[in-house]
Amino acid sequence: MLGRSLLVVYVVEKCS
């Protein structure tokens, strides 16, 4: 789902 993809992007940006 799109929501899951957005969640992944959020986590990656937070970890960066």
C-alpha atoms as a PDB file:
ATOM      1  CA  MET A   1       0.000   0.000   0.000  1.00  0.00           C
ATOM      2  CA  LEU A   2       1.017   3.613  -0.520  1.00  0.00           C
ATOM      3  CA  GLY A   3       0.771   4.286   3.199  1.00  0.00           C
ATOM      4  CA  ARG A   4       3.386   1.625   3.920  1.00  0.00           C
ATOM      5  CA  SER A   5       5.714   3.110   1.290  1.00  0.00           C
ATOM      6  CA  LEU A   6       5.359   6.550   2.884  1.00  0.00           C
ATOM      7  CA  LEU A   7       6.138   5.021   6.272  1.00  0.00           C
ATOM      8  CA  VAL A   8       9.341   3.474   4.896  1.00  0.00           C
ATOM      9  CA  VAL A   9      10.388   6.826   3.426  1.00  0.00           C
ATOM     10  CA  TYR A  10       9.716   8.521   6.770  1.00  0.00           C
ATOM     11  CA  VAL A  11      11.844   5.998   8.673  1.00  0.00           C
ATOM     12  CA  VAL A  12      14.701   6.247   6.155  1.00  0.00           C
ATOM     13  CA  GLU A  13      14.669  10.048   6.341  1.00  0.00           C
ATOM     14  CA  LYS A  14      14.609   9.915  10.150  1.00  0.00           C
ATOM     15  CA  CYS A  15      17.541   7.488  10.258  1.00  0.00           C
ATOM     16  CA  SER A  16      19.558   9.491   7.727  1.00  0.00           C
END
